[in-house]
């Protein structure tokens, strides 16, 4: 008797990005330093056009760099906290005015920026929380300026980076499909990898179009391990044509896993036997496949982040080779491949909505739907 264990992935809501809360006591300790993720301001008078535009410049510069915060209502000395300068008035109304200014004054709209009042005995200060956002580059609509934070300064965005951020989405999608098809064909022709029940992931970061972005490289005497789908694998990156790869074999010398990083940061991953029928239990290991896929995508995202590749990303996922054996043909009677037919643009490689949608497609393709 055949049994199947079904895990129904919940449909997630849009992931709201938030920064951790900051307390008045943490500020007063004096350990925070202005830089690429923090700015102190004595006050912001948004009734003055110049002050309004300068605030938007600061928010834009941080948005184009990464997660950061601006604290309004403090004195600083040498870039460090030197005392509170409490703001007066209604804290909630003031926070709402700043929030509205930021939403209306920046394009694309930075939906997850929060302006949070922190209360003092004689007034309040404001914590402007700026999580990492997809959709860069961001522009100050009042000035038309594109800025990026560098140290404690705002600088115009480098032309190469600006061009890469303005790449047409159709071009981006077409480039991913072109590179993926070419690499799929190369893998198939080489015969190095088992095609059965293979999870294939293709990733093209927006930074692919920044021709000044350096390629992934290893030092002369340093070798880097990388993310693996099969946890018993422990390969190291080695030079390959046009990039670097991790390549792993099983005990029968079958190539079961490969992660390829092209010099232009196109990523192609292939993991054979990603989903299995569990011997002795007579069931399809959907739950195990779900968990391993989530873990692998998280580790891929972490690896790219460590290399300074932080998205957004265009991605496709596929579970292919399902008809390579009669046994798996019975589990997936109508399909030989399950995939995201069109590329998806996400800020994180482990985007919960993308993963849940793909895993739902896999489950629905089984005999039990």
Protein backbone atom coordinates (compact mmCIF):
# COMPACT_ATOMS: atom_id res chain seq x y z
CA UNK A 1 0.00 0.00 0.00
CA UNK A 2 1.43 3.38 -1.03
CA UNK A 3 1.16 6.26 1.40
CA UNK A 4 2.03 9.89 0.86
CA UNK A 5 2.84 12.52 3.46
CA UNK A 6 1.56 15.94 2.40
CA UNK A 7 2.74 19.25 3.79
CA UNK A 8 0.59 22.16 2.63
CA UNK A 9 2.74 25.31 2.54
CA UNK A 10 0.81 28.27 3.89
CA UNK A 11 0.46 31.20 1.50
CA UNK A 12 2.53 33.94 3.14
CA UNK A 13 1.73 37.61 3.17
CA UNK A 14 4.28 40.08 1.80
CA UNK A 15 7.26 40.01 4.10
CA UNK A 16 7.38 43.37 5.89
CA UNK A 17 10.94 44.43 6.57
CA UNK A 18 11.66 45.86 9.96
CA UNK A 19 14.67 46.94 12.00
CA UNK A 20 15.13 45.98 15.61
CA UNK A 21 13.85 48.48 18.16
CA UNK A 22 16.33 50.93 19.66
CA UNK A 23 15.82 52.18 23.22
CA UNK A 24 16.64 55.51 24.81
CA UNK A 25 18.96 53.67 27.22
CA UNK A 26 20.91 52.13 24.33
CA UNK A 27 21.39 55.58 22.82
CA UNK A 28 22.48 57.08 26.12
CA UNK A 29 25.25 54.49 26.47
CA UNK A 30 27.09 56.40 23.75
CA UNK A 31 28.44 53.40 21.87
CA UNK A 32 26.71 54.08 18.54
CA UNK A 33 28.79 55.67 15.77
CA UNK A 34 27.57 57.54 12.69
CA UNK A 35 28.43 55.80 9.44
CA UNK A 36 26.90 53.77 6.63
CA UNK A 37 24.02 52.61 8.80
CA UNK A 38 23.40 55.49 11.23
CA UNK A 39 22.95 59.27 11.22
CA UNK A 40 22.24 61.63 14.12
CA UNK A 41 20.28 64.88 13.67
CA UNK A 42 19.53 67.65 16.15
CA UNK A 43 16.29 68.54 14.41
CA UNK A 44 14.43 68.43 11.11
CA UNK A 45 12.29 71.38 10.10
CA UNK A 46 10.25 70.04 7.22
CA UNK A 47 8.48 73.39 6.85
CA UNK A 48 11.67 74.60 5.14
CA UNK A 49 12.10 73.25 1.58
CA UNK A 50 15.89 72.90 1.90
CA UNK A 51 15.67 70.96 5.17
CA UNK A 52 12.93 68.75 3.71
CA UNK A 53 15.08 67.93 0.66
CA UNK A 54 18.17 67.23 2.80
CA UNK A 55 16.22 64.71 4.90
CA UNK A 56 15.01 62.97 1.73
CA UNK A 57 18.62 62.92 0.47
CA UNK A 58 19.67 61.12 3.65
CA UNK A 59 16.86 58.55 3.44
CA UNK A 60 17.53 57.95 -0.27
CA UNK A 61 21.27 57.50 0.33
CA UNK A 62 20.60 54.89 3.02
CA UNK A 63 17.96 53.12 0.91
CA UNK A 64 20.44 52.78 -1.94
CA UNK A 65 23.09 51.37 0.42
CA UNK A 66 21.21 49.07 2.79
CA UNK A 67 19.57 48.87 6.20
CA UNK A 68 20.07 51.97 8.38
CA UNK A 69 18.42 54.41 10.77
CA UNK A 70 18.31 58.15 11.37
CA UNK A 71 17.83 59.44 14.92
CA UNK A 72 16.32 62.93 15.15
CA UNK A 73 16.61 64.85 18.42
CA UNK A 74 20.15 64.14 19.59
CA UNK A 75 23.44 66.01 19.77
CA UNK A 76 26.56 64.30 18.46
CA UNK A 77 30.26 64.85 18.94
CA UNK A 78 32.73 63.19 16.61
CA UNK A 79 29.88 61.13 15.21
CA UNK A 80 28.91 59.73 18.61
CA UNK A 81 25.90 60.45 20.82
CA UNK A 82 26.53 63.46 23.07
CA UNK A 83 23.11 64.19 24.54
CA UNK A 84 19.42 64.47 23.85
CA UNK A 85 17.79 67.50 22.25
CA UNK A 86 14.12 66.59 22.81
CA UNK A 87 11.53 67.58 20.22
CA UNK A 88 8.33 69.32 21.31
CA UNK A 89 4.75 68.87 20.17
CA UNK A 90 2.63 65.83 19.45
CA UNK A 91 5.00 62.88 18.81
CA UNK A 92 2.51 60.83 16.80
CA UNK A 93 1.54 63.73 14.52
CA UNK A 94 5.20 64.63 13.98
CA UNK A 95 6.08 61.03 13.17
CA UNK A 96 3.16 60.81 10.73
CA UNK A 97 4.25 64.02 8.94
CA UNK A 98 7.76 62.65 8.44
CA UNK A 99 6.42 59.26 7.37
CA UNK A 100 4.15 60.93 4.79
CA UNK A 101 7.01 63.10 3.51
CA UNK A 102 9.20 60.04 2.99
CA UNK A 103 6.46 58.06 1.25
CA UNK A 104 5.51 60.97 -1.02
CA UNK A 105 9.01 62.35 -1.63
CA UNK A 106 10.88 59.22 -2.75
CA UNK A 107 10.41 56.99 -5.78
CA UNK A 108 9.88 54.08 -5.82
CA UNK A 109 7.88 54.33 -2.61
CA UNK A 110 9.85 52.83 0.33
CA UNK A 111 6.92 51.04 1.95
CA UNK A 112 8.78 49.63 4.96
CA UNK A 113 10.39 52.82 6.31
CA UNK A 114 9.01 53.52 9.78
CA UNK A 115 9.16 56.70 11.85
CA UNK A 116 8.87 55.76 15.52
CA UNK A 117 8.75 58.27 18.42
CA UNK A 118 10.81 57.45 21.52
CA UNK A 119 9.53 59.25 24.60
CA UNK A 120 11.67 61.23 27.06
CA UNK A 121 10.66 63.01 30.27
CA UNK A 122 10.68 66.39 28.51
CA UNK A 123 9.68 65.54 24.95
CA UNK A 124 10.57 62.87 22.41
CA UNK A 125 13.04 61.87 19.74
CA UNK A 126 12.37 60.07 16.44
CA UNK A 127 13.81 56.80 15.21
CA UNK A 128 13.56 56.66 11.39
CA UNK A 129 14.02 52.98 10.63
CA UNK A 130 15.15 52.18 7.09
CA UNK A 131 15.24 48.43 6.36
CA UNK A 132 16.75 47.07 3.17
CA UNK A 133 14.36 47.55 0.25
CA UNK A 134 13.98 46.04 -3.20
CA UNK A 135 13.43 48.36 -6.14
CA UNK A 136 16.59 50.48 -6.00
CA UNK A 137 17.79 52.91 -7.14
CA UNK A 138 15.71 55.31 -5.05
CA UNK A 139 15.40 58.95 -6.04
CA UNK A 140 14.65 62.15 -4.14
CA UNK A 141 11.63 63.45 -6.05
CA UNK A 142 12.24 67.03 -4.90
CA UNK A 143 15.76 67.23 -6.30
CA UNK A 144 15.86 64.34 -8.79
CA UNK A 145 19.00 63.12 -7.02
CA UNK A 146 20.32 59.55 -6.75
CA UNK A 147 22.64 59.23 -3.75
CA UNK A 148 24.30 56.42 -1.84
CA UNK A 149 25.77 56.38 1.65
CA UNK A 150 29.56 56.09 1.89
CA UNK A 151 30.89 56.21 5.44
CA UNK A 152 29.20 59.22 7.02
CA UNK A 153 28.63 61.02 3.69
CA UNK A 154 26.11 60.94 0.87
CA UNK A 155 27.67 60.58 -2.59
CA UNK A 156 26.19 60.52 -6.11
CA UNK A 157 25.66 56.94 -7.28
CA UNK A 158 28.42 55.57 -9.49
CA UNK A 159 27.30 55.61 -13.16
CA UNK A 160 27.96 51.88 -13.60
CA UNK A 161 25.84 51.02 -10.60
CA UNK A 162 23.11 53.42 -11.71
CA UNK A 163 22.98 51.82 -15.17
CA UNK A 164 22.72 48.36 -13.63
CA UNK A 165 19.83 49.46 -11.42
CA UNK A 166 17.94 50.87 -14.40
CA UNK A 167 18.14 47.70 -16.49
CA UNK A 168 14.90 47.04 -18.34
CA UNK A 169 13.00 44.18 -16.67
CA UNK A 170 12.33 42.46 -20.00
CA UNK A 171 16.07 42.48 -20.72
CA UNK A 172 16.75 41.13 -17.25
CA UNK A 173 14.26 38.26 -17.62
CA UNK A 174 15.48 37.42 -21.12
CA UNK A 175 19.08 37.35 -19.95
CA UNK A 176 18.24 34.95 -17.12
CA UNK A 177 16.36 32.62 -19.47
CA UNK A 178 19.21 32.73 -22.00
CA UNK A 179 21.91 31.93 -19.44
CA UNK A 180 19.80 29.24 -17.78
CA UNK A 181 19.04 27.45 -21.04
CA UNK A 182 22.71 27.52 -22.04
CA UNK A 183 23.86 26.15 -18.69
CA UNK A 184 21.12 23.49 -18.61
CA UNK A 185 22.27 22.33 -22.04
CA UNK A 186 25.91 22.31 -20.97
CA UNK A 187 25.11 20.22 -17.89
CA UNK A 188 23.03 17.75 -19.93
CA UNK A 189 25.70 17.39 -22.62
CA UNK A 190 28.51 16.84 -20.11
CA UNK A 191 26.86 13.81 -18.50
CA UNK A 192 28.56 14.75 -15.24
CA UNK A 193 25.34 15.03 -13.25
CA UNK A 194 22.51 12.59 -12.62
CA UNK A 195 19.31 14.06 -14.15
CA UNK A 196 16.85 12.23 -11.87
CA UNK A 197 14.59 14.22 -9.51
CA UNK A 198 16.94 17.17 -9.84
CA UNK A 199 16.28 20.54 -8.24
CA UNK A 200 17.55 23.29 -10.55
CA UNK A 201 17.86 26.86 -9.35
CA UNK A 202 18.93 29.78 -11.56
CA UNK A 203 19.66 33.21 -10.08
CA UNK A 204 20.60 36.45 -11.80
CA UNK A 205 21.25 39.40 -9.47
CA UNK A 206 20.67 42.88 -10.74
CA UNK A 207 24.36 43.52 -10.13
CA UNK A 208 25.07 41.22 -13.10
CA UNK A 209 24.58 44.34 -15.23
CA UNK A 210 27.15 46.37 -13.28
CA UNK A 211 30.27 45.80 -15.36
CA UNK A 212 32.44 47.19 -12.59
CA UNK A 213 31.37 44.44 -10.17
CA UNK A 214 34.33 42.13 -9.51
CA UNK A 215 33.94 38.41 -10.07
CA UNK A 216 33.92 35.85 -7.28
CA UNK A 217 37.50 34.76 -6.71
CA UNK A 218 39.66 32.74 -4.36
CA UNK A 219 43.07 33.57 -3.01
CA UNK A 220 46.11 31.62 -4.21
CA UNK A 221 46.23 29.54 -1.05
CA UNK A 222 42.62 29.73 0.12
CA UNK A 223 39.76 27.46 -0.93
CA UNK A 224 36.16 28.23 -0.08
CA UNK A 225 33.42 25.72 0.75
CA UNK A 226 29.93 26.76 -0.26
CA UNK A 227 26.23 25.99 0.10
CA UNK A 228 25.17 22.37 -0.50
CA UNK A 229 21.76 20.75 -0.89
CA UNK A 230 22.87 17.30 0.31
CA UNK A 231 24.20 17.91 3.79
CA UNK A 232 26.69 15.03 3.62
CA UNK A 233 28.46 16.81 0.75
CA UNK A 234 31.48 18.96 1.54
CA UNK A 235 32.93 20.17 -1.79
CA UNK A 236 35.13 23.19 -2.34
CA UNK A 237 35.00 25.79 -5.07
CA UNK A 238 37.31 25.10 -7.99
CA UNK A 239 37.97 27.11 -11.13
CA UNK A 240 35.73 26.22 -14.07
CA UNK A 241 35.08 27.65 -17.52
CA UNK A 242 33.85 31.25 -17.03
CA UNK A 243 33.64 30.95 -13.26
CA UNK A 244 33.87 28.63 -10.26
CA UNK A 245 31.96 25.52 -9.27
CA UNK A 246 31.28 23.15 -6.41
CA UNK A 247 30.94 19.58 -7.65
CA UNK A 248 30.00 16.58 -5.52
CA UNK A 249 29.73 12.84 -6.20
CA UNK A 250 28.00 10.11 -4.23
CA UNK A 251 29.54 6.81 -3.10
CA UNK A 252 28.95 5.32 -6.56
CA UNK A 253 30.89 8.20 -8.16
CA UNK A 254 27.72 9.69 -9.64
CA UNK A 255 27.72 13.46 -9.90
CA UNK A 256 24.78 14.50 -7.77
CA UNK A 257 25.35 18.17 -7.03
CA UNK A 258 26.85 21.25 -8.66
CA UNK A 259 26.81 24.94 -7.83
CA UNK A 260 28.21 27.20 -10.53
CA UNK A 261 29.04 30.89 -10.02
CA UNK A 262 29.78 32.63 -13.30
CA UNK A 263 32.21 35.53 -13.33
CA UNK A 264 29.27 37.86 -14.02
CA UNK A 265 27.40 36.47 -10.98
CA UNK A 266 24.89 34.27 -12.77
CA UNK A 267 24.23 31.34 -10.42
CA UNK A 268 23.19 27.85 -11.56
CA UNK A 269 22.54 25.06 -9.05
CA UNK A 270 21.71 21.41 -9.76
CA UNK A 271 20.97 18.86 -7.01
CA UNK A 272 19.99 15.35 -8.14
CA UNK A 273 17.76 13.08 -6.03
CA UNK A 274 16.39 16.19 -4.34
CA UNK A 275 13.07 14.44 -3.71
CA UNK A 276 13.00 10.75 -2.92
CA UNK A 277 10.71 7.86 -2.14
CA UNK A 278 11.69 6.85 1.35
CA UNK A 279 12.52 3.15 1.38
CA UNK A 280 10.74 1.09 4.02
CA UNK A 281 8.06 3.75 4.45
CA UNK A 282 6.50 3.67 1.01
CA UNK A 283 5.97 7.40 0.94
CA UNK A 284 7.18 10.35 -1.07
CA UNK A 285 9.49 12.57 0.97
CA UNK A 286 7.70 15.84 0.27
CA UNK A 287 8.22 17.21 3.77
CA UNK A 288 11.94 16.44 3.63
CA UNK A 289 12.19 18.04 0.18
CA UNK A 290 10.37 21.16 1.41
CA UNK A 291 12.70 21.59 4.39
CA UNK A 292 15.88 20.88 2.41
CA UNK A 293 14.86 23.35 -0.32
CA UNK A 294 14.21 26.12 2.20
CA UNK A 295 17.52 25.46 3.97
CA UNK A 296 19.45 25.40 0.69
CA UNK A 297 17.94 28.64 -0.61
CA UNK A 298 18.69 30.32 2.72
CA UNK A 299 22.31 29.17 2.54
CA UNK A 300 22.58 30.40 -1.06
CA UNK A 301 21.28 33.80 0.02
CA UNK A 302 23.74 33.93 2.92
CA UNK A 303 26.64 33.02 0.64
CA UNK A 304 25.75 35.74 -1.89
CA UNK A 305 25.32 38.27 0.91
CA UNK A 306 28.81 37.44 2.18
CA UNK A 307 30.10 38.23 -1.31
CA UNK A 308 28.34 41.60 -1.27
CA UNK A 309 25.60 40.46 -3.72
CA UNK A 310 22.44 41.54 -1.95
CA UNK A 311 19.74 41.67 -4.60
CA UNK A 312 17.24 42.09 -5.96
CA UNK A 313 17.43 38.81 -7.85
CA UNK A 314 15.62 37.30 -10.84
CA UNK A 315 15.08 33.60 -10.19
CA UNK A 316 13.63 30.42 -11.61
CA UNK A 317 13.23 27.06 -9.85
CA UNK A 318 12.53 23.65 -11.35
CA UNK A 319 12.17 20.07 -10.14
CA UNK A 320 13.02 18.06 -13.21
CA UNK A 321 13.69 14.48 -14.31
CA UNK A 322 10.54 13.22 -12.60
CA UNK A 323 9.86 10.76 -15.42
CA UNK A 324 13.38 9.35 -15.49
CA UNK A 325 12.20 6.21 -13.72
CA UNK A 326 8.95 4.26 -13.73
CA UNK A 327 8.78 4.58 -9.97
CA UNK A 328 8.70 8.37 -10.02
CA UNK A 329 6.44 8.44 -13.03
CA UNK A 330 3.81 6.89 -10.75
CA UNK A 331 4.16 9.70 -8.20
CA UNK A 332 4.05 12.43 -10.88
CA UNK A 333 1.78 10.89 -13.53
CA UNK A 334 1.23 13.96 -15.71
CA UNK A 335 4.50 15.89 -15.56
CA UNK A 336 8.21 15.34 -15.94
CA UNK A 337 9.09 18.80 -14.64
CA UNK A 338 7.60 21.29 -12.17
CA UNK A 339 8.88 24.85 -12.48
CA UNK A 340 8.29 28.53 -12.10
CA UNK A 341 7.45 29.15 -15.75
CA UNK A 342 8.40 32.81 -15.66
CA UNK A 343 11.29 34.38 -13.76
CA UNK A 344 10.39 36.10 -10.51
CA UNK A 345 12.11 39.19 -9.12
CA UNK A 346 12.66 38.98 -5.36
CA UNK A 347 14.76 40.87 -2.86
CA UNK A 348 15.89 37.69 -1.09
CA UNK A 349 16.92 34.36 -2.56
CA UNK A 350 14.91 32.66 0.20
CA UNK A 351 11.80 34.75 -0.49
CA UNK A 352 9.02 32.98 1.41
CA UNK A 353 6.31 33.64 -1.17
CA UNK A 354 8.42 32.34 -4.06
CA UNK A 355 9.36 29.18 -2.16
CA UNK A 356 5.82 28.51 -0.94
CA UNK A 357 4.43 28.92 -4.46
CA UNK A 358 7.01 26.52 -5.91
CA UNK A 359 6.49 23.89 -3.20
CA UNK A 360 2.74 24.16 -3.69
CA UNK A 361 3.22 23.47 -7.41
CA UNK A 362 5.32 20.39 -6.59
CA UNK A 363 2.66 19.01 -4.24
CA UNK A 364 -0.15 19.67 -6.72
CA UNK A 365 1.75 17.79 -9.43
CA UNK A 366 1.77 14.57 -7.39
CA UNK A 367 -0.77 11.81 -7.77
CA UNK A 368 -2.57 13.06 -4.66
CA UNK A 369 -2.56 16.73 -5.73
